[in-house]
N, C-alpha and C. Protein backbone atom coordinates (compact mmCIF):
# COMPACT_ATOMS: atom_id res chain seq x y z
N UNK A 1 -21.03 1.33 1.81
CA UNK A 1 -21.46 -0.03 1.94
C UNK A 1 -21.04 -0.61 3.29
N UNK A 2 -19.78 -0.46 3.67
CA UNK A 2 -19.29 -0.98 4.95
C UNK A 2 -19.13 0.19 5.91
N UNK A 3 -19.69 0.06 7.10
CA UNK A 3 -19.59 1.12 8.09
C UNK A 3 -18.31 1.02 8.91
N UNK A 4 -17.93 -0.20 9.30
CA UNK A 4 -16.71 -0.39 10.08
C UNK A 4 -16.28 -1.84 10.01
N UNK A 5 -15.03 -2.08 10.36
CA UNK A 5 -14.48 -3.43 10.42
C UNK A 5 -13.70 -3.57 11.72
N UNK A 6 -13.45 -4.81 12.12
CA UNK A 6 -12.66 -5.04 13.33
C UNK A 6 -11.78 -6.26 13.15
N UNK A 7 -10.72 -6.31 13.94
CA UNK A 7 -9.83 -7.46 13.97
C UNK A 7 -9.61 -7.86 15.43
N UNK A 8 -9.39 -9.16 15.64
CA UNK A 8 -9.12 -9.63 17.00
C UNK A 8 -7.66 -9.40 17.37
N UNK A 9 -7.42 -9.09 18.65
CA UNK A 9 -6.06 -8.94 19.16
C UNK A 9 -5.98 -9.64 20.52
N UNK A 10 -4.82 -10.18 20.83
CA UNK A 10 -4.65 -10.91 22.09
C UNK A 10 -4.28 -9.98 23.25
N UNK A 11 -3.65 -8.86 22.96
CA UNK A 11 -3.21 -7.90 23.99
C UNK A 11 -3.67 -6.52 23.54
N UNK A 12 -4.73 -6.02 24.15
CA UNK A 12 -5.34 -4.76 23.69
C UNK A 12 -4.40 -3.57 23.85
N UNK A 13 -3.68 -3.49 24.96
CA UNK A 13 -2.78 -2.36 25.17
C UNK A 13 -1.65 -2.36 24.14
N UNK A 14 -1.05 -3.52 23.90
CA UNK A 14 0.04 -3.61 22.91
C UNK A 14 -0.48 -3.33 21.51
N UNK A 15 -1.64 -3.86 21.17
CA UNK A 15 -2.21 -3.62 19.84
C UNK A 15 -2.58 -2.15 19.66
N UNK A 16 -3.07 -1.52 20.71
CA UNK A 16 -3.39 -0.09 20.63
C UNK A 16 -2.14 0.72 20.33
N UNK A 17 -1.06 0.43 21.02
CA UNK A 17 0.20 1.14 20.74
C UNK A 17 0.66 0.90 19.30
N UNK A 18 0.56 -0.33 18.84
CA UNK A 18 0.95 -0.67 17.47
C UNK A 18 0.13 0.14 16.47
N UNK A 19 -1.19 0.09 16.60
CA UNK A 19 -2.05 0.76 15.62
C UNK A 19 -1.99 2.29 15.73
N UNK A 20 -1.76 2.81 16.91
CA UNK A 20 -1.58 4.27 17.01
C UNK A 20 -0.37 4.69 16.19
N UNK A 21 0.73 3.95 16.28
CA UNK A 21 1.95 4.28 15.53
C UNK A 21 1.76 4.09 14.04
N UNK A 22 1.12 3.00 13.64
CA UNK A 22 1.02 2.65 12.23
C UNK A 22 -0.07 3.46 11.52
N UNK A 23 -1.27 3.48 12.08
CA UNK A 23 -2.37 4.19 11.42
C UNK A 23 -2.20 5.70 11.51
N UNK A 24 -1.49 6.16 12.54
CA UNK A 24 -1.21 7.60 12.65
C UNK A 24 -0.49 8.14 11.43
N UNK A 25 0.30 7.30 10.76
CA UNK A 25 1.02 7.75 9.56
C UNK A 25 0.05 8.09 8.43
N UNK A 26 -1.17 7.56 8.51
CA UNK A 26 -2.18 7.81 7.47
C UNK A 26 -3.24 8.80 7.94
N UNK A 27 -3.02 9.42 9.10
CA UNK A 27 -3.99 10.37 9.63
C UNK A 27 -5.18 9.72 10.29
N UNK A 28 -5.06 8.44 10.64
CA UNK A 28 -6.12 7.70 11.31
C UNK A 28 -5.77 7.62 12.79
N UNK A 29 -6.64 8.14 13.64
CA UNK A 29 -6.34 8.30 15.05
C UNK A 29 -7.24 7.44 15.94
N UNK A 30 -6.77 7.19 17.15
CA UNK A 30 -7.60 6.50 18.15
C UNK A 30 -8.68 7.49 18.58
N UNK A 31 -9.93 7.10 18.36
CA UNK A 31 -11.05 7.99 18.68
C UNK A 31 -11.89 7.52 19.85
N UNK A 32 -11.82 6.23 20.16
CA UNK A 32 -12.66 5.72 21.23
C UNK A 32 -11.97 4.52 21.87
N UNK A 33 -12.05 4.44 23.19
CA UNK A 33 -11.49 3.30 23.91
C UNK A 33 -12.50 2.81 24.93
N UNK A 34 -12.70 1.52 24.94
CA UNK A 34 -13.57 0.84 25.89
C UNK A 34 -12.75 -0.26 26.54
N UNK A 35 -13.27 -0.92 27.55
CA UNK A 35 -12.47 -1.96 28.23
C UNK A 35 -11.95 -3.07 27.33
N UNK A 36 -12.70 -3.44 26.29
CA UNK A 36 -12.27 -4.57 25.46
C UNK A 36 -12.18 -4.23 23.99
N UNK A 37 -12.23 -2.95 23.63
CA UNK A 37 -12.16 -2.57 22.22
C UNK A 37 -11.67 -1.13 22.08
N UNK A 38 -11.00 -0.86 20.98
CA UNK A 38 -10.51 0.49 20.68
C UNK A 38 -10.87 0.79 19.23
N UNK A 39 -11.40 1.99 18.98
CA UNK A 39 -11.80 2.39 17.64
C UNK A 39 -10.91 3.48 17.08
N UNK A 40 -10.56 3.33 15.80
CA UNK A 40 -9.70 4.29 15.09
C UNK A 40 -10.46 4.83 13.88
N UNK A 41 -10.15 6.05 13.52
CA UNK A 41 -10.76 6.62 12.33
C UNK A 41 -10.30 8.05 12.13
N UNK A 42 -10.94 8.71 11.17
CA UNK A 42 -10.66 10.12 10.91
C UNK A 42 -11.77 10.99 11.48
N UNK A 43 -13.03 10.60 11.26
CA UNK A 43 -14.16 11.36 11.80
C UNK A 43 -14.94 10.55 12.83
N UNK A 44 -15.00 9.25 12.65
CA UNK A 44 -15.65 8.36 13.60
C UNK A 44 -14.92 7.01 13.53
N UNK A 45 -15.07 6.17 14.52
CA UNK A 45 -14.34 4.89 14.51
C UNK A 45 -14.82 3.98 13.38
N UNK A 46 -13.93 3.74 12.43
CA UNK A 46 -14.22 2.87 11.29
C UNK A 46 -13.46 1.55 11.37
N UNK A 47 -12.40 1.55 12.17
CA UNK A 47 -11.57 0.36 12.34
C UNK A 47 -11.43 0.09 13.82
N UNK A 48 -11.79 -1.11 14.24
CA UNK A 48 -11.77 -1.48 15.65
C UNK A 48 -10.82 -2.64 15.88
N UNK A 49 -10.16 -2.61 17.02
CA UNK A 49 -9.43 -3.78 17.50
C UNK A 49 -10.18 -4.28 18.72
N UNK A 50 -10.43 -5.58 18.77
CA UNK A 50 -11.23 -6.18 19.84
C UNK A 50 -10.40 -7.20 20.59
N UNK A 51 -10.39 -7.09 21.90
CA UNK A 51 -9.66 -8.03 22.73
C UNK A 51 -10.28 -9.42 22.61
N UNK A 52 -9.45 -10.35 22.18
CA UNK A 52 -9.80 -11.77 22.11
C UNK A 52 -8.57 -12.53 22.58
N UNK A 53 -8.34 -12.50 23.89
CA UNK A 53 -7.11 -13.02 24.49
C UNK A 53 -6.85 -14.48 24.16
N UNK A 54 -7.90 -15.24 23.88
CA UNK A 54 -7.72 -16.67 23.61
C UNK A 54 -7.56 -16.98 22.12
N UNK A 55 -7.45 -15.96 21.27
CA UNK A 55 -7.26 -16.18 19.84
C UNK A 55 -5.86 -16.73 19.59
N UNK A 56 -5.75 -17.86 18.90
CA UNK A 56 -4.41 -18.39 18.60
C UNK A 56 -3.72 -17.53 17.54
N UNK A 57 -2.40 -17.60 17.51
CA UNK A 57 -1.64 -16.90 16.47
C UNK A 57 -2.08 -17.42 15.10
N UNK A 58 -2.18 -16.52 14.14
CA UNK A 58 -2.64 -16.90 12.81
C UNK A 58 -1.46 -17.33 11.93
N UNK A 59 -1.57 -18.46 11.26
CA UNK A 59 -0.55 -18.81 10.27
C UNK A 59 -0.60 -17.80 9.11
N UNK A 60 0.47 -17.68 8.36
CA UNK A 60 0.53 -16.71 7.26
C UNK A 60 -0.60 -16.88 6.24
N UNK A 61 -1.09 -18.09 6.08
CA UNK A 61 -2.12 -18.33 5.07
C UNK A 61 -3.54 -18.10 5.59
N UNK A 62 -3.68 -17.65 6.84
CA UNK A 62 -4.99 -17.42 7.44
C UNK A 62 -5.19 -15.95 7.74
N UNK A 63 -6.39 -15.63 8.17
CA UNK A 63 -6.67 -14.28 8.64
C UNK A 63 -7.30 -13.42 7.58
N UNK A 64 -7.80 -12.29 8.03
CA UNK A 64 -8.42 -11.34 7.13
C UNK A 64 -7.41 -10.41 6.50
N UNK A 65 -7.91 -9.52 5.70
CA UNK A 65 -7.08 -8.54 5.01
C UNK A 65 -7.85 -7.23 5.00
N UNK A 66 -7.22 -6.20 5.53
CA UNK A 66 -7.84 -4.88 5.56
C UNK A 66 -6.88 -3.90 4.90
N UNK A 67 -7.42 -3.08 4.03
CA UNK A 67 -6.59 -2.11 3.29
C UNK A 67 -7.03 -0.69 3.62
N UNK A 68 -6.04 0.16 3.89
CA UNK A 68 -6.28 1.57 4.15
C UNK A 68 -5.72 2.39 2.99
N UNK A 69 -6.43 3.44 2.62
CA UNK A 69 -6.00 4.31 1.52
C UNK A 69 -5.00 5.33 2.06
N UNK A 70 -3.92 5.51 1.32
CA UNK A 70 -2.90 6.52 1.63
C UNK A 70 -2.97 7.60 0.55
N UNK A 71 -2.53 8.80 0.90
CA UNK A 71 -2.58 9.92 -0.06
C UNK A 71 -1.41 9.92 -1.03
N UNK A 72 -0.33 9.18 -0.71
CA UNK A 72 0.85 9.21 -1.58
C UNK A 72 1.70 7.96 -1.38
N UNK A 73 2.61 7.75 -2.31
CA UNK A 73 3.54 6.63 -2.18
C UNK A 73 4.43 6.84 -0.95
N UNK A 74 4.79 8.08 -0.67
CA UNK A 74 5.62 8.36 0.52
C UNK A 74 4.92 7.89 1.79
N UNK A 75 3.61 8.10 1.88
CA UNK A 75 2.87 7.66 3.07
C UNK A 75 2.77 6.14 3.15
N UNK A 76 2.67 5.47 2.01
CA UNK A 76 2.70 4.00 2.01
C UNK A 76 4.05 3.53 2.56
N UNK A 77 5.12 4.17 2.12
CA UNK A 77 6.46 3.82 2.61
C UNK A 77 6.58 4.05 4.12
N UNK A 78 6.08 5.18 4.60
CA UNK A 78 6.14 5.51 6.03
C UNK A 78 5.29 4.53 6.84
N UNK A 79 4.11 4.17 6.33
CA UNK A 79 3.24 3.18 6.97
C UNK A 79 4.01 1.88 7.18
N UNK A 80 4.66 1.39 6.14
CA UNK A 80 5.39 0.12 6.20
C UNK A 80 6.52 0.21 7.21
N UNK A 81 7.30 1.28 7.16
CA UNK A 81 8.43 1.45 8.09
C UNK A 81 7.93 1.54 9.53
N UNK A 82 6.85 2.27 9.76
CA UNK A 82 6.31 2.40 11.12
C UNK A 82 5.83 1.06 11.64
N UNK A 83 5.21 0.25 10.78
CA UNK A 83 4.74 -1.06 11.20
C UNK A 83 5.90 -1.96 11.61
N UNK A 84 6.97 -1.94 10.84
CA UNK A 84 8.14 -2.76 11.18
C UNK A 84 8.75 -2.30 12.49
N UNK A 85 8.85 -1.00 12.68
CA UNK A 85 9.43 -0.45 13.90
C UNK A 85 8.57 -0.79 15.12
N UNK A 86 7.26 -0.87 14.92
CA UNK A 86 6.33 -1.11 16.03
C UNK A 86 6.12 -2.60 16.32
N UNK A 87 6.79 -3.48 15.58
CA UNK A 87 6.69 -4.90 15.87
C UNK A 87 5.92 -5.71 14.85
N UNK A 88 5.50 -5.08 13.75
CA UNK A 88 4.85 -5.82 12.67
C UNK A 88 5.88 -6.52 11.80
N UNK A 89 5.40 -7.33 10.89
CA UNK A 89 6.25 -8.09 9.97
C UNK A 89 5.85 -7.74 8.55
N UNK A 90 6.83 -7.53 7.69
CA UNK A 90 6.52 -7.23 6.29
C UNK A 90 5.87 -8.43 5.63
N UNK A 91 4.81 -8.16 4.89
CA UNK A 91 4.14 -9.19 4.11
C UNK A 91 4.11 -8.76 2.65
N UNK A 92 4.98 -7.78 2.33
CA UNK A 92 5.09 -7.24 0.98
C UNK A 92 5.58 -5.81 1.05
N UNK A 93 6.84 -5.60 0.70
CA UNK A 93 7.45 -4.27 0.78
C UNK A 93 6.72 -3.28 -0.12
N UNK A 94 6.85 -1.99 0.17
CA UNK A 94 6.20 -0.98 -0.66
C UNK A 94 6.65 -1.10 -2.12
N UNK A 95 5.69 -0.96 -3.02
CA UNK A 95 6.02 -1.00 -4.44
C UNK A 95 4.78 -1.11 -5.29
N UNK A 96 5.00 -1.00 -6.59
CA UNK A 96 3.92 -1.13 -7.55
C UNK A 96 3.47 -2.58 -7.62
N UNK A 97 2.18 -2.78 -7.79
CA UNK A 97 1.60 -4.11 -7.94
C UNK A 97 0.78 -4.11 -9.23
N UNK A 98 1.45 -4.23 -10.38
CA UNK A 98 0.72 -4.14 -11.66
C UNK A 98 -0.36 -5.20 -11.82
N UNK A 99 -0.25 -6.32 -11.11
CA UNK A 99 -1.28 -7.35 -11.18
C UNK A 99 -2.61 -6.86 -10.61
N UNK A 100 -2.58 -5.76 -9.84
CA UNK A 100 -3.80 -5.20 -9.26
C UNK A 100 -4.29 -3.97 -10.01
N UNK A 101 -3.60 -3.60 -11.07
CA UNK A 101 -4.02 -2.45 -11.87
C UNK A 101 -2.91 -1.43 -12.00
N UNK A 102 -3.04 -0.60 -13.01
CA UNK A 102 -2.03 0.42 -13.28
C UNK A 102 -1.95 1.42 -12.12
N UNK A 103 -0.74 1.68 -11.66
CA UNK A 103 -0.52 2.67 -10.62
C UNK A 103 -0.83 2.20 -9.22
N UNK A 104 -1.13 0.91 -9.01
CA UNK A 104 -1.45 0.37 -7.68
C UNK A 104 -0.16 0.22 -6.91
N UNK A 105 0.04 1.09 -5.91
CA UNK A 105 1.26 1.11 -5.11
C UNK A 105 0.87 0.78 -3.67
N UNK A 106 1.43 -0.30 -3.14
CA UNK A 106 0.97 -0.77 -1.83
C UNK A 106 2.10 -1.37 -1.02
N UNK A 107 1.82 -1.52 0.27
CA UNK A 107 2.69 -2.24 1.19
C UNK A 107 1.78 -3.09 2.08
N UNK A 108 2.26 -4.27 2.43
CA UNK A 108 1.50 -5.20 3.24
C UNK A 108 2.30 -5.53 4.49
N UNK A 109 1.62 -5.58 5.61
CA UNK A 109 2.26 -5.99 6.86
C UNK A 109 1.34 -6.97 7.58
N UNK A 110 1.92 -7.66 8.53
CA UNK A 110 1.13 -8.46 9.47
C UNK A 110 1.34 -7.84 10.84
N UNK A 111 0.24 -7.57 11.51
CA UNK A 111 0.35 -7.00 12.85
C UNK A 111 0.85 -8.09 13.81
N UNK A 112 1.16 -7.76 15.05
CA UNK A 112 1.67 -8.77 15.98
C UNK A 112 0.72 -9.95 16.22
N UNK A 113 -0.55 -9.81 15.85
CA UNK A 113 -1.51 -10.90 16.00
C UNK A 113 -1.70 -11.69 14.71
N UNK A 114 -1.03 -11.30 13.64
CA UNK A 114 -1.12 -12.01 12.37
C UNK A 114 -2.13 -11.45 11.39
N UNK A 115 -2.84 -10.39 11.75
CA UNK A 115 -3.78 -9.77 10.83
C UNK A 115 -3.02 -9.11 9.68
N UNK A 116 -3.52 -9.27 8.46
CA UNK A 116 -2.86 -8.71 7.28
C UNK A 116 -3.44 -7.32 7.00
N UNK A 117 -2.56 -6.32 7.04
CA UNK A 117 -2.98 -4.93 6.88
C UNK A 117 -2.20 -4.33 5.71
N UNK A 118 -2.90 -3.60 4.88
CA UNK A 118 -2.31 -3.00 3.67
C UNK A 118 -2.54 -1.50 3.67
N UNK A 119 -1.61 -0.77 3.06
CA UNK A 119 -1.81 0.64 2.72
C UNK A 119 -1.62 0.74 1.21
N UNK A 120 -2.48 1.47 0.54
CA UNK A 120 -2.44 1.58 -0.92
C UNK A 120 -2.67 3.03 -1.35
N UNK A 121 -2.04 3.37 -2.45
CA UNK A 121 -2.33 4.60 -3.16
C UNK A 121 -2.26 4.28 -4.64
N UNK A 122 -2.71 5.18 -5.47
CA UNK A 122 -2.71 4.96 -6.91
C UNK A 122 -1.87 6.06 -7.54
N UNK A 123 -0.75 5.69 -8.13
CA UNK A 123 0.20 6.68 -8.63
C UNK A 123 -0.39 7.50 -9.78
N UNK A 124 -1.29 6.93 -10.56
CA UNK A 124 -1.94 7.71 -11.62
C UNK A 124 -2.72 8.87 -11.01
N UNK A 125 -3.35 8.64 -9.87
CA UNK A 125 -4.10 9.69 -9.19
C UNK A 125 -3.18 10.77 -8.66
N UNK A 126 -1.96 10.39 -8.24
CA UNK A 126 -1.00 11.38 -7.75
C UNK A 126 -0.60 12.33 -8.86
N UNK A 127 -0.53 11.83 -10.08
CA UNK A 127 -0.11 12.66 -11.22
C UNK A 127 -1.25 13.50 -11.75
N UNK A 128 -2.49 13.11 -11.46
CA UNK A 128 -3.64 13.81 -12.01
C UNK A 128 -3.85 15.16 -11.36
């Protein structure tokens, strides 16, 4: 249904470094770079960061939400730790979220521009 998504960033070089470190934990790599945009994905660019230098910082209650699938709870944990190390802010430590369904294990971060990014896996699927 959705081919790709993008988020605005104020500093393309800094955001590229951030997302290379964070998305790399999930096997998502930088696949394309242009003067004002960078695309990440596994086979083709599915997630883009776009330079929008005049974008104001987002308050915690604003902004979009993008979720990436992880293969295991360990990778969700590594994603969260990598985001914090790279300058992101925790918006929900790794753990089960029963309000979202049985086995929903996720971590939420805010990138340096305030975009809300999640990694999720389903523990029931890990056991199957």
